[in-house]
Amino acid sequence: MNRFLVLSLLLFISSGASSLTQTAIKSEFVKVMTDDGITLHGALWTPASDKARVGIVIAAGADSEFYSDWLVWLGEHFARSGYIALSMNRRDHGPQQWFHNFEPSAMDHKYMIDCLAARGAEAVILVGHSYGTVTAPYYAMASDDPRVKALILYGPHGYKRDGLTRSFGSQTEYQQVVSKAKEMVAAGRGHETFLLPPILPGGLPRPSSYEAFLNRGGPDTNAVPVETIRKVQGRPILAIRDPADPYRATIPPAQQQLQEANKKLEYVLLPDIRSGKMDTAAHQFRGREEEVLRVTLEWLEKHKLRP
């Protein structure tokens, strides 16, 4: 285990201990084993009552871990509000994203729901952040799991299939990478690594296998949020975005496309507090956590999803 991970875990434990002293919520590390032998690690927060009728699964975004600041903040505050909450890594967590196929990664949410059900949760809310707003709806659509009563999307991705090229300089560049990836897979070298362009200008390139790129970002991928949201039936959906969020998957026309895709989706665009300027901190709702929580809890109350 590298030093960064050790320090991160120590900080997480320290933060949890402090919160426990102040709020009486309980936190613990948990892990589950998937049917294909992959261990998923996470953190569970239980309210002071030690049980809750409604549980909340928090689905991380790209490059995130279950102990990322925003996810831990959500877990603690959902528990303070009476919910049992779980932040757990999928198999594609952190730098693993572009080395695992999309569908089994999204279906890992089943194990998280099972974990909450084993703790007494009768209903579950799937909460996704960033890329988690792609995996969580896909799970709900593909499984039609009756335990999932609603979806909440923070920093929601809202691109159609033509949006797959947005990280590339041009459609031509994208098609060149697709062609190369297909050649490598056909040659039995799909597991080899290459570099994808950064998500934002000036960012770091992203390592990926050729095989995973075709599955997650190729022209035939199932990881297209607008197409998935359209097929999510019978469940209310809340989407929240800070207008200063610069991530390409979230900017207009993402809101319009998501709302057109599903009439049960309620989209909340927070007030602009940065005078029109973009800020990467807005993707994590930094400084606006309480505001987001208030909107979320009011929406859950409206839909009779109290703990």
C-alpha atoms as a PDB file:
ATOM      1  CA  MET A   1       0.000   0.000   0.000  1.00  0.00           C
ATOM      2  CA  ASN A   2       1.528   3.331  -1.016  1.00  0.00           C
ATOM      3  CA  ARG A   3       2.116   6.253   1.335  1.00  0.00           C
ATOM      4  CA  PHE A   4      -0.640   8.398  -0.192  1.00  0.00           C
ATOM      5  CA  LEU A   5      -3.256   5.703   0.398  1.00  0.00           C
ATOM      6  CA  VAL A   6      -2.067   5.123   3.968  1.00  0.00           C
ATOM      7  CA  LEU A   7      -2.244   8.841   4.740  1.00  0.00           C
ATOM      8  CA  SER A   8      -5.660   9.125   3.129  1.00  0.00           C
ATOM      9  CA  LEU A   9      -6.997   6.261   5.233  1.00  0.00           C
ATOM     10  CA  LEU A  10      -5.513   7.706   8.389  1.00  0.00           C
ATOM     11  CA  LEU A  11      -7.133  11.055   7.675  1.00  0.00           C
ATOM     12  CA  PHE A  12     -10.419   9.305   7.031  1.00  0.00           C
ATOM     13  CA  ILE A  13     -10.217   7.409  10.314  1.00  0.00           C
ATOM     14  CA  SER A  14      -9.317  10.599  12.190  1.00  0.00           C
ATOM     15  CA  SER A  15     -12.216  12.488  10.605  1.00  0.00           C
ATOM     16  CA  GLY A  16     -14.606   9.668  11.431  1.00  0.00           C
ATOM     17  CA  ALA A  17     -13.494   9.563  15.048  1.00  0.00           C
ATOM     18  CA  SER A  18     -14.036  13.303  15.428  1.00  0.00           C
ATOM     19  CA  SER A  19     -17.493  13.104  13.854  1.00  0.00           C
ATOM     20  CA  LEU A  20     -18.479  10.194  16.051  1.00  0.00           C
ATOM     21  CA  THR A  21     -17.628  12.184  19.145  1.00  0.00           C
ATOM     22  CA  GLN A  22     -19.866  15.030  18.026  1.00  0.00           C
ATOM     23  CA  THR A  23     -22.825  13.221  16.456  1.00  0.00           C
ATOM     24  CA  ALA A  24     -23.009   9.660  17.792  1.00  0.00           C
ATOM     25  CA  ILE A  25     -23.259   8.228  14.281  1.00  0.00           C
ATOM     26  CA  LYS A  26     -21.307   5.037  13.688  1.00  0.00           C
ATOM     27  CA  SER A  27     -18.794   4.470  10.908  1.00  0.00           C
ATOM     28  CA  GLU A  28     -16.926   1.355   9.872  1.00  0.00           C
ATOM     29  CA  PHE A  29     -14.909  -0.034   7.013  1.00  0.00           C
ATOM     30  CA  VAL A  30     -16.663  -2.789   5.060  1.00  0.00           C
ATOM     31  CA  LYS A  31     -15.794  -5.061   2.161  1.00  0.00           C
ATOM     32  CA  VAL A  32     -17.660  -7.494  -0.059  1.00  0.00           C
ATOM     33  CA  MET A  33     -16.599 -10.132  -2.551  1.00  0.00           C
ATOM     34  CA  THR A  34     -18.180 -10.161  -6.008  1.00  0.00           C
ATOM     35  CA  ASP A  35     -19.283 -13.372  -7.671  1.00  0.00           C
ATOM     36  CA  ASP A  36     -16.206 -13.205  -9.918  1.00  0.00           C
ATOM     37  CA  GLY A  37     -13.800 -12.845  -6.997  1.00  0.00           C
ATOM     38  CA  ILE A  38     -13.134  -9.089  -6.816  1.00  0.00           C
ATOM     39  CA  THR A  39     -13.042  -7.424  -3.390  1.00  0.00           C
ATOM     40  CA  LEU A  40     -14.858  -4.099  -3.106  1.00  0.00           C
ATOM     41  CA  HIS A  41     -13.959  -1.835  -0.183  1.00  0.00           C
ATOM     42  CA  GLY A  42     -16.073   0.892   1.363  1.00  0.00           C
ATOM     43  CA  ALA A  43     -17.233   2.833   4.384  1.00  0.00           C
ATOM     44  CA  LEU A  44     -20.604   2.525   6.096  1.00  0.00           C
ATOM     45  CA  TRP A  45     -22.287   5.161   8.234  1.00  0.00           C
ATOM     46  CA  THR A  46     -25.111   4.202  10.561  1.00  0.00           C
ATOM     47  CA  PRO A  47     -27.390   6.735  12.316  1.00  0.00           C
ATOM     48  CA  ALA A  48     -27.578   7.048  16.079  1.00  0.00           C
ATOM     49  CA  SER A  49     -30.707   4.877  16.079  1.00  0.00           C
ATOM     50  CA  ASP A  50     -28.513   2.038  14.695  1.00  0.00           C
ATOM     51  CA  LYS A  51     -31.055   1.259  11.982  1.00  0.00           C
ATOM     52  CA  ALA A  52     -32.892   2.939   9.123  1.00  0.00           C
ATOM     53  CA  ARG A  53     -35.722   2.000   6.797  1.00  0.00           C
ATOM     54  CA  VAL A  54     -34.053   3.757   3.853  1.00  0.00           C
ATOM     55  CA  GLY A  55     -30.436   3.303   2.806  1.00  0.00           C
ATOM     56  CA  ILE A  56     -28.295   5.392   0.486  1.00  0.00           C
ATOM     57  CA  VAL A  57     -25.595   4.021  -1.823  1.00  0.00           C
ATOM     58  CA  ILE A  58     -23.068   6.662  -2.927  1.00  0.00           C
ATOM     59  CA  ALA A  59     -21.547   5.879  -6.324  1.00  0.00           C
ATOM     60  CA  ALA A  60     -18.162   7.501  -6.918  1.00  0.00           C
ATOM     61  CA  GLY A  61     -17.036   9.343 -10.018  1.00  0.00           C
ATOM     62  CA  ALA A  62     -14.025   8.703 -12.227  1.00  0.00           C
ATOM     63  CA  ASP A  63     -10.661   8.619 -10.412  1.00  0.00           C
ATOM     64  CA  SER A  64     -12.451   8.724  -7.037  1.00  0.00           C
ATOM     65  CA  GLU A  65     -12.141   6.355  -4.104  1.00  0.00           C
ATOM     66  CA  PHE A  66     -14.725   5.548  -1.464  1.00  0.00           C
ATOM     67  CA  TYR A  67     -12.896   7.832   0.991  1.00  0.00           C
ATOM     68  CA  SER A  68     -12.849  10.889  -1.282  1.00  0.00           C
ATOM     69  CA  ASP A  69     -13.759  14.064   0.631  1.00  0.00           C
ATOM     70  CA  TRP A  70     -17.146  14.735  -0.985  1.00  0.00           C
ATOM     71  CA  LEU A  71     -18.290  11.126  -0.609  1.00  0.00           C
ATOM     72  CA  VAL A  72     -17.265  10.958   3.048  1.00  0.00           C
ATOM     73  CA  TRP A  73     -19.035  14.253   3.730  1.00  0.00           C
ATOM     74  CA  LEU A  74     -22.199  12.897   2.146  1.00  0.00           C
ATOM     75  CA  GLY A  75     -22.024   9.622   4.045  1.00  0.00           C
ATOM     76  CA  GLU A  76     -21.623  11.306   7.405  1.00  0.00           C
ATOM     77  CA  HIS A  77     -24.366  13.863   6.791  1.00  0.00           C
ATOM     78  CA  PHE A  78     -26.858  11.364   5.403  1.00  0.00           C
ATOM     79  CA  ALA A  79     -26.314   9.329   8.576  1.00  0.00           C
ATOM     80  CA  ARG A  80     -26.813  12.425  10.727  1.00  0.00           C
ATOM     81  CA  SER A  81     -30.092  12.871   8.882  1.00  0.00           C
ATOM     82  CA  GLY A  82     -31.182   9.356   9.878  1.00  0.00           C
ATOM     83  CA  TYR A  83     -30.201   7.309   6.809  1.00  0.00           C
ATOM     84  CA  ILE A  84     -27.812   4.383   6.653  1.00  0.00           C
ATOM     85  CA  ALA A  85     -25.247   5.301   3.991  1.00  0.00           C
ATOM     86  CA  LEU A  86     -22.573   3.398   2.104  1.00  0.00           C
ATOM     87  CA  SER A  87     -19.723   4.686  -0.057  1.00  0.00           C
ATOM     88  CA  MET A  88     -18.087   1.746  -1.790  1.00  0.00           C
ATOM     89  CA  ASN A  89     -15.652   1.347  -4.652  1.00  0.00           C
ATOM     90  CA  ARG A  90     -16.733  -0.332  -7.839  1.00  0.00           C
ATOM     91  CA  ARG A  91     -14.149  -2.508  -9.558  1.00  0.00           C
ATOM     92  CA  ASP A  92     -13.359   0.491 -11.813  1.00  0.00           C
ATOM     93  CA  HIS A  93     -12.457   2.815  -8.937  1.00  0.00           C
ATOM     94  CA  GLY A  94      -9.653   5.357  -9.117  1.00  0.00           C
ATOM     95  CA  PRO A  95      -7.042   4.646 -11.802  1.00  0.00           C
ATOM     96  CA  GLN A  96      -8.754   1.327 -12.573  1.00  0.00           C
ATOM     97  CA  GLN A  97     -11.549   3.012 -14.539  1.00  0.00           C
ATOM     98  CA  TRP A  98     -10.184   2.425 -18.020  1.00  0.00           C
ATOM     99  CA  PHE A  99      -9.087  -1.153 -17.316  1.00  0.00           C
ATOM    100  CA  HIS A 100     -12.506  -2.654 -16.537  1.00  0.00           C
ATOM    101  CA  ASN A 101     -15.539  -2.987 -18.751  1.00  0.00           C
ATOM    102  CA  PHE A 102     -18.473  -0.711 -18.058  1.00  0.00           C
ATOM    103  CA  GLU A 103     -21.303  -3.209 -17.539  1.00  0.00           C
ATOM    104  CA  PRO A 104     -19.787  -5.366 -14.749  1.00  0.00           C
ATOM    105  CA  SER A 105     -18.538  -2.192 -13.058  1.00  0.00           C
ATOM    106  CA  ALA A 106     -22.033  -0.696 -13.031  1.00  0.00           C
ATOM    107  CA  MET A 107     -23.564  -3.954 -11.848  1.00  0.00           C
ATOM    108  CA  ASP A 108     -21.282  -3.855  -8.790  1.00  0.00           C
ATOM    109  CA  HIS A 109     -23.954  -1.601  -7.278  1.00  0.00           C
ATOM    110  CA  LYS A 110     -25.905  -4.772  -6.535  1.00  0.00           C
ATOM    111  CA  TYR A 111     -23.384  -5.763  -3.879  1.00  0.00           C
ATOM    112  CA  MET A 112     -23.696  -2.356  -2.243  1.00  0.00           C
ATOM    113  CA  ILE A 113     -27.481  -2.624  -2.139  1.00  0.00           C
ATOM    114  CA  ASP A 114     -27.171  -6.153  -0.734  1.00  0.00           C
ATOM    115  CA  CYS A 115     -24.926  -4.761   2.008  1.00  0.00           C
ATOM    116  CA  LEU A 116     -27.510  -2.169   3.052  1.00  0.00           C
ATOM    117  CA  ALA A 117     -30.356  -4.676   2.830  1.00  0.00           C
ATOM    118  CA  ALA A 118     -28.445  -6.980   5.181  1.00  0.00           C
ATOM    119  CA  ARG A 119     -28.333  -4.055   7.643  1.00  0.00           C
ATOM    120  CA  GLY A 120     -32.106  -3.656   7.526  1.00  0.00           C
ATOM    121  CA  ALA A 121     -32.689  -1.163   4.718  1.00  0.00           C
ATOM    122  CA  GLU A 122     -36.017  -1.852   2.993  1.00  0.00           C
ATOM    123  CA  ALA A 123     -35.569   0.783   0.285  1.00  0.00           C
ATOM    124  CA  VAL A 124     -32.416   2.165  -1.316  1.00  0.00           C
ATOM    125  CA  ILE A 125     -31.589   5.457  -3.009  1.00  0.00           C
ATOM    126  CA  LEU A 126     -28.791   5.294  -5.574  1.00  0.00           C
ATOM    127  CA  VAL A 127     -26.722   8.491  -5.414  1.00  0.00           C
ATOM    128  CA  GLY A 128     -24.175   9.002  -8.167  1.00  0.00           C
ATOM    129  CA  HIS A 129     -21.506  11.670  -8.468  1.00  0.00           C
ATOM    130  CA  SER A 130     -19.899  12.524 -11.834  1.00  0.00           C
ATOM    131  CA  TYR A 131     -19.244   9.190 -13.601  1.00  0.00           C
ATOM    132  CA  GLY A 132     -21.377   7.586 -10.902  1.00  0.00           C
ATOM    133  CA  THR A 133     -24.286   9.351 -12.624  1.00  0.00           C
ATOM    134  CA  VAL A 134     -23.599   7.012 -15.556  1.00  0.00           C
ATOM    135  CA  THR A 135     -23.152   3.747 -13.630  1.00  0.00           C
ATOM    136  CA  ALA A 136     -26.020   4.168 -11.139  1.00  0.00           C
ATOM    137  CA  PRO A 137     -28.764   4.725 -13.745  1.00  0.00           C
ATOM    138  CA  TYR A 138     -27.369   1.885 -15.841  1.00  0.00           C
ATOM    139  CA  TYR A 139     -27.690  -0.471 -12.880  1.00  0.00           C
ATOM    140  CA  ALA A 140     -31.263   0.656 -12.211  1.00  0.00           C
ATOM    141  CA  MET A 141     -32.162   0.225 -15.891  1.00  0.00           C
ATOM    142  CA  ALA A 142     -30.424  -3.114 -16.468  1.00  0.00           C
ATOM    143  CA  SER A 143     -31.478  -4.803 -13.223  1.00  0.00           C
ATOM    144  CA  ASP A 144     -34.835  -3.135 -12.517  1.00  0.00           C
ATOM    145  CA  ASP A 145     -33.939  -3.887  -8.891  1.00  0.00           C
ATOM    146  CA  PRO A 146     -37.170  -3.300  -6.922  1.00  0.00           C
ATOM    147  CA  ARG A 147     -35.160  -2.160  -3.893  1.00  0.00           C
ATOM    148  CA  VAL A 148     -34.012   0.965  -5.775  1.00  0.00           C
ATOM    149  CA  LYS A 149     -36.718   3.561  -5.201  1.00  0.00           C
ATOM    150  CA  ALA A 150     -35.037   6.701  -6.571  1.00  0.00           C
ATOM    151  CA  LEU A 151     -31.879   8.094  -8.171  1.00  0.00           C
ATOM    152  CA  ILE A 152     -29.933  11.224  -7.238  1.00  0.00           C
ATOM    153  CA  LEU A 153     -27.318  12.562  -9.659  1.00  0.00           C
ATOM    154  CA  TYR A 154     -24.687  15.080  -8.515  1.00  0.00           C
ATOM    155  CA  GLY A 155     -22.734  16.732 -11.340  1.00  0.00           C
ATOM    156  CA  PRO A 156     -24.758  14.676 -13.830  1.00  0.00           C
ATOM    157  CA  HIS A 157     -23.318  13.578 -17.146  1.00  0.00           C
ATOM    158  CA  GLY A 158     -25.775  14.359 -19.904  1.00  0.00           C
ATOM    159  CA  TYR A 159     -24.226  13.532 -23.259  1.00  0.00           C
ATOM    160  CA  LYS A 160     -25.694  11.616 -26.158  1.00  0.00           C
ATOM    161  CA  ARG A 161     -23.706   9.159 -28.257  1.00  0.00           C
ATOM    162  CA  ASP A 162     -22.142  11.999 -30.254  1.00  0.00           C
ATOM    163  CA  GLY A 163     -20.631  13.278 -26.997  1.00  0.00           C
ATOM    164  CA  LEU A 164     -18.191  10.369 -26.835  1.00  0.00           C
ATOM    165  CA  THR A 165     -15.725  12.359 -28.919  1.00  0.00           C
ATOM    166  CA  ARG A 166     -15.641  15.434 -26.672  1.00  0.00           C
ATOM    167  CA  SER A 167     -12.295  14.605 -25.008  1.00  0.00           C
ATOM    168  CA  PHE A 168     -10.633  14.393 -28.405  1.00  0.00           C
ATOM    169  CA  GLY A 169      -9.508  17.252 -30.584  1.00  0.00           C
ATOM    170  CA  SER A 170     -11.780  16.233 -33.448  1.00  0.00           C
ATOM    171  CA  GLN A 171     -14.063  13.497 -34.764  1.00  0.00           C
ATOM    172  CA  THR A 172     -11.184  12.397 -37.005  1.00  0.00           C
ATOM    173  CA  GLU A 173      -8.838  11.962 -34.031  1.00  0.00           C
ATOM    174  CA  TYR A 174     -11.487   9.942 -32.196  1.00  0.00           C
ATOM    175  CA  GLN A 175     -12.038   7.647 -35.179  1.00  0.00           C
ATOM    176  CA  GLN A 176      -8.287   7.103 -35.501  1.00  0.00           C
ATOM    177  CA  VAL A 177      -8.081   5.959 -31.878  1.00  0.00           C
ATOM    178  CA  VAL A 178     -11.120   3.688 -32.335  1.00  0.00           C
ATOM    179  CA  SER A 179      -9.519   2.105 -35.418  1.00  0.00           C
ATOM    180  CA  LYS A 180      -6.224   1.542 -33.591  1.00  0.00           C
ATOM    181  CA  ALA A 181      -8.025   0.006 -30.600  1.00  0.00           C
ATOM    182  CA  LYS A 182      -9.944  -2.375 -32.852  1.00  0.00           C
ATOM    183  CA  GLU A 183      -6.701  -3.425 -34.543  1.00  0.00           C
ATOM    184  CA  MET A 184      -5.045  -4.117 -31.178  1.00  0.00           C
ATOM    185  CA  VAL A 185      -8.005  -6.148 -29.911  1.00  0.00           C
ATOM    186  CA  ALA A 186      -8.128  -8.157 -33.154  1.00  0.00           C
ATOM    187  CA  ALA A 187      -4.407  -8.880 -32.767  1.00  0.00           C
ATOM    188  CA  GLY A 188      -4.939 -10.213 -29.234  1.00  0.00           C
ATOM    189  CA  ARG A 189      -3.313  -7.154 -27.676  1.00  0.00           C
ATOM    190  CA  GLY A 190      -6.421  -5.461 -26.287  1.00  0.00           C
ATOM    191  CA  HIS A 191      -5.044  -5.605 -22.737  1.00  0.00           C
ATOM    192  CA  GLU A 192      -2.139  -3.299 -23.609  1.00  0.00           C
ATOM    193  CA  THR A 193      -2.125   0.293 -22.366  1.00  0.00           C
ATOM    194  CA  PHE A 194      -2.241   3.609 -24.209  1.00  0.00           C
ATOM    195  CA  LEU A 195      -3.029   7.186 -23.151  1.00  0.00           C
ATOM    196  CA  LEU A 196      -6.390   8.911 -23.555  1.00  0.00           C
ATOM    197  CA  PRO A 197      -6.561  12.726 -23.696  1.00  0.00           C
ATOM    198  CA  PRO A 198      -7.147  14.518 -20.354  1.00  0.00           C
ATOM    199  CA  ILE A 199     -10.717  15.265 -19.273  1.00  0.00           C
ATOM    200  CA  LEU A 200      -9.954  18.985 -19.007  1.00  0.00           C
ATOM    201  CA  PRO A 201      -7.366  21.033 -20.924  1.00  0.00           C
ATOM    202  CA  GLY A 202      -4.060  21.003 -19.071  1.00  0.00           C
ATOM    203  CA  GLY A 203      -4.941  17.848 -17.147  1.00  0.00           C
ATOM    204  CA  LEU A 204      -3.124  14.529 -17.114  1.00  0.00           C
ATOM    205  CA  PRO A 205      -3.610  11.931 -19.850  1.00  0.00           C
ATOM    206  CA  ARG A 206      -5.552   8.854 -18.718  1.00  0.00           C
ATOM    207  CA  PRO A 207      -4.086   5.340 -19.058  1.00  0.00           C
ATOM    208  CA  SER A 208      -6.475   2.844 -20.639  1.00  0.00           C
ATOM    209  CA  SER A 209      -6.417  -0.587 -22.168  1.00  0.00           C
ATOM    210  CA  TYR A 210      -7.542  -0.741 -25.783  1.00  0.00           C
ATOM    211  CA  GLU A 211     -10.259  -3.241 -24.896  1.00  0.00           C
ATOM    212  CA  ALA A 212     -11.720  -1.147 -22.073  1.00  0.00           C
ATOM    213  CA  PHE A 213     -11.649   1.980 -24.225  1.00  0.00           C
ATOM    214  CA  LEU A 214     -13.800   0.344 -26.886  1.00  0.00           C
ATOM    215  CA  ASN A 215     -16.188  -0.956 -24.249  1.00  0.00           C
ATOM    216  CA  ARG A 216     -16.484   2.303 -22.300  1.00  0.00           C
ATOM    217  CA  GLY A 217     -15.899   4.944 -24.953  1.00  0.00           C
ATOM    218  CA  GLY A 218     -16.185   3.283 -28.337  1.00  0.00           C
ATOM    219  CA  PRO A 219     -19.034   3.931 -30.772  1.00  0.00           C
ATOM    220  CA  ASP A 220     -21.010   0.887 -29.555  1.00  0.00           C
ATOM    221  CA  THR A 221     -20.656   1.502 -25.805  1.00  0.00           C
ATOM    222  CA  ASN A 222     -23.556   1.192 -23.376  1.00  0.00           C
ATOM    223  CA  ALA A 223     -22.093   4.027 -21.281  1.00  0.00           C
ATOM    224  CA  VAL A 224     -24.252   6.769 -22.794  1.00  0.00           C
ATOM    225  CA  PRO A 225     -26.144   8.535 -19.980  1.00  0.00           C
ATOM    226  CA  VAL A 226     -28.974  10.091 -21.995  1.00  0.00           C
ATOM    227  CA  GLU A 227     -29.842   6.735 -23.579  1.00  0.00           C
ATOM    228  CA  THR A 228     -29.781   5.043 -20.171  1.00  0.00           C
ATOM    229  CA  ILE A 229     -31.829   7.711 -18.368  1.00  0.00           C
ATOM    230  CA  ARG A 230     -34.506   7.387 -21.051  1.00  0.00           C
ATOM    231  CA  LYS A 231     -34.941   3.725 -20.095  1.00  0.00           C
ATOM    232  CA  VAL A 232     -35.093   4.189 -16.316  1.00  0.00           C
ATOM    233  CA  GLN A 233     -38.757   3.660 -15.535  1.00  0.00           C
ATOM    234  CA  GLY A 234     -40.964   4.119 -12.481  1.00  0.00           C
ATOM    235  CA  ARG A 235     -38.457   5.971 -10.309  1.00  0.00           C
ATOM    236  CA  PRO A 236     -38.079   9.679  -9.521  1.00  0.00           C
ATOM    237  CA  ILE A 237     -34.709  11.197 -10.392  1.00  0.00           C
ATOM    238  CA  LEU A 238     -33.065  14.291  -8.925  1.00  0.00           C
ATOM    239  CA  ALA A 239     -30.127  15.932 -10.728  1.00  0.00           C
ATOM    240  CA  ILE A 240     -28.101  18.795  -9.198  1.00  0.00           C
ATOM    241  CA  ARG A 241     -25.362  20.853 -10.865  1.00  0.00           C
ATOM    242  CA  ASP A 242     -23.335  23.926  -9.958  1.00  0.00           C
ATOM    243  CA  PRO A 243     -23.307  26.234 -13.032  1.00  0.00           C
ATOM    244  CA  ALA A 244     -19.552  26.764 -12.514  1.00  0.00           C
ATOM    245  CA  ASP A 245     -18.852  23.061 -13.092  1.00  0.00           C
ATOM    246  CA  PRO A 246     -16.461  23.002 -16.095  1.00  0.00           C
ATOM    247  CA  TYR A 247     -16.576  19.284 -16.855  1.00  0.00           C
ATOM    248  CA  ARG A 248     -17.582  18.773 -20.467  1.00  0.00           C
ATOM    249  CA  ALA A 249     -20.023  15.973 -19.700  1.00  0.00           C
ATOM    250  CA  THR A 250     -22.066  18.309 -17.468  1.00  0.00           C
ATOM    251  CA  ILE A 251     -22.178  21.581 -19.413  1.00  0.00           C
ATOM    252  CA  PRO A 252     -25.071  22.598 -21.711  1.00  0.00           C
ATOM    253  CA  PRO A 253     -26.849  21.026 -23.462  1.00  0.00           C
ATOM    254  CA  ALA A 254     -26.552  18.271 -20.818  1.00  0.00           C
ATOM    255  CA  GLN A 255     -29.430  19.611 -18.709  1.00  0.00           C
ATOM    256  CA  GLN A 256     -31.813  19.893 -21.654  1.00  0.00           C
ATOM    257  CA  GLN A 257     -30.897  16.444 -22.960  1.00  0.00           C
ATOM    258  CA  LEU A 258     -31.458  14.773 -19.587  1.00  0.00           C
ATOM    259  CA  GLN A 259     -34.797  16.505 -19.039  1.00  0.00           C
ATOM    260  CA  GLU A 260     -35.980  15.555 -22.507  1.00  0.00           C
ATOM    261  CA  ALA A 261     -34.904  11.951 -21.938  1.00  0.00           C
ATOM    262  CA  ASN A 262     -36.955  11.367 -18.776  1.00  0.00           C
ATOM    263  CA  LYS A 263     -39.962  13.362 -17.596  1.00  0.00           C
ATOM    264  CA  LYS A 264     -39.503  12.039 -14.041  1.00  0.00           C
ATOM    265  CA  LEU A 265     -36.122  13.762 -13.816  1.00  0.00           C
ATOM    266  CA  GLU A 266     -36.085  16.983 -11.787  1.00  0.00           C
ATOM    267  CA  TYR A 267     -33.031  19.098 -12.619  1.00  0.00           C
ATOM    268  CA  VAL A 268     -31.818  21.680 -10.079  1.00  0.00           C
ATOM    269  CA  LEU A 269     -29.281  24.198 -11.351  1.00  0.00           C
ATOM    270  CA  LEU A 270     -27.879  25.965  -8.305  1.00  0.00           C
ATOM    271  CA  PRO A 271     -27.633  29.768  -8.288  1.00  0.00           C
ATOM    272  CA  ASP A 272     -24.480  31.189  -9.864  1.00  0.00           C
ATOM    273  CA  ILE A 273     -22.177  32.461  -7.090  1.00  0.00           C
ATOM    274  CA  ARG A 274     -19.032  32.849  -9.228  1.00  0.00           C
ATOM    275  CA  SER A 275     -20.210  35.516 -11.676  1.00  0.00           C
ATOM    276  CA  GLY A 276     -20.160  33.139 -14.620  1.00  0.00           C
ATOM    277  CA  LYS A 277     -16.620  31.856 -14.016  1.00  0.00           C
ATOM    278  CA  MET A 278     -15.858  28.139 -14.203  1.00  0.00           C
ATOM    279  CA  ASP A 279     -14.135  26.378 -11.302  1.00  0.00           C
ATOM    280  CA  THR A 280     -13.181  22.708 -10.971  1.00  0.00           C
ATOM    281  CA  ALA A 281     -14.114  22.893  -7.257  1.00  0.00           C
ATOM    282  CA  ALA A 282     -17.721  23.321  -8.359  1.00  0.00           C
ATOM    283  CA  HIS A 283     -17.782  19.728  -9.607  1.00  0.00           C
ATOM    284  CA  GLN A 284     -17.345  18.651  -5.971  1.00  0.00           C
ATOM    285  CA  PHE A 285     -19.797  21.341  -4.751  1.00  0.00           C
ATOM    286  CA  ARG A 286     -16.997  22.716  -2.577  1.00  0.00           C
ATOM    287  CA  GLY A 287     -18.391  25.349  -0.222  1.00  0.00           C
ATOM    288  CA  ARG A 288     -21.960  24.428  -1.177  1.00  0.00           C
ATOM    289  CA  GLU A 289     -22.255  21.055   0.523  1.00  0.00           C
ATOM    290  CA  GLU A 290     -24.937  22.161   2.989  1.00  0.00           C
ATOM    291  CA  GLU A 291     -26.967  23.736   0.171  1.00  0.00           C
ATOM    292  CA  VAL A 292     -26.881  20.517  -1.839  1.00  0.00           C
ATOM    293  CA  LEU A 293     -27.814  18.453   1.207  1.00  0.00           C
ATOM    294  CA  ARG A 294     -30.797  20.707   1.965  1.00  0.00           C
ATOM    295  CA  VAL A 295     -32.114  20.410  -1.600  1.00  0.00           C
ATOM    296  CA  THR A 296     -31.619  16.639  -1.472  1.00  0.00           C
ATOM    297  CA  LEU A 297     -33.364  16.105   1.864  1.00  0.00           C
ATOM    298  CA  GLU A 298     -36.320  18.270   0.845  1.00  0.00           C
ATOM    299  CA  TRP A 299     -36.666  16.253  -2.365  1.00  0.00           C
ATOM    300  CA  LEU A 300     -36.519  12.951  -0.458  1.00  0.00           C
ATOM    301  CA  GLU A 301     -39.171  14.251   1.930  1.00  0.00           C
ATOM    302  CA  LYS A 302     -41.389  15.209  -1.024  1.00  0.00           C
ATOM    303  CA  HIS A 303     -41.130  11.689  -2.398  1.00  0.00           C
ATOM    304  CA  LYS A 304     -41.866  10.091   0.991  1.00  0.00           C
ATOM    305  CA  LEU A 305     -38.384   8.640   1.286  1.00  0.00           C
ATOM    306  CA  ARG A 306     -37.708   9.599   4.860  1.00  0.00           C
ATOM    307  CA  PRO A 307     -35.355   7.340   6.831  1.00  0.00           C
END
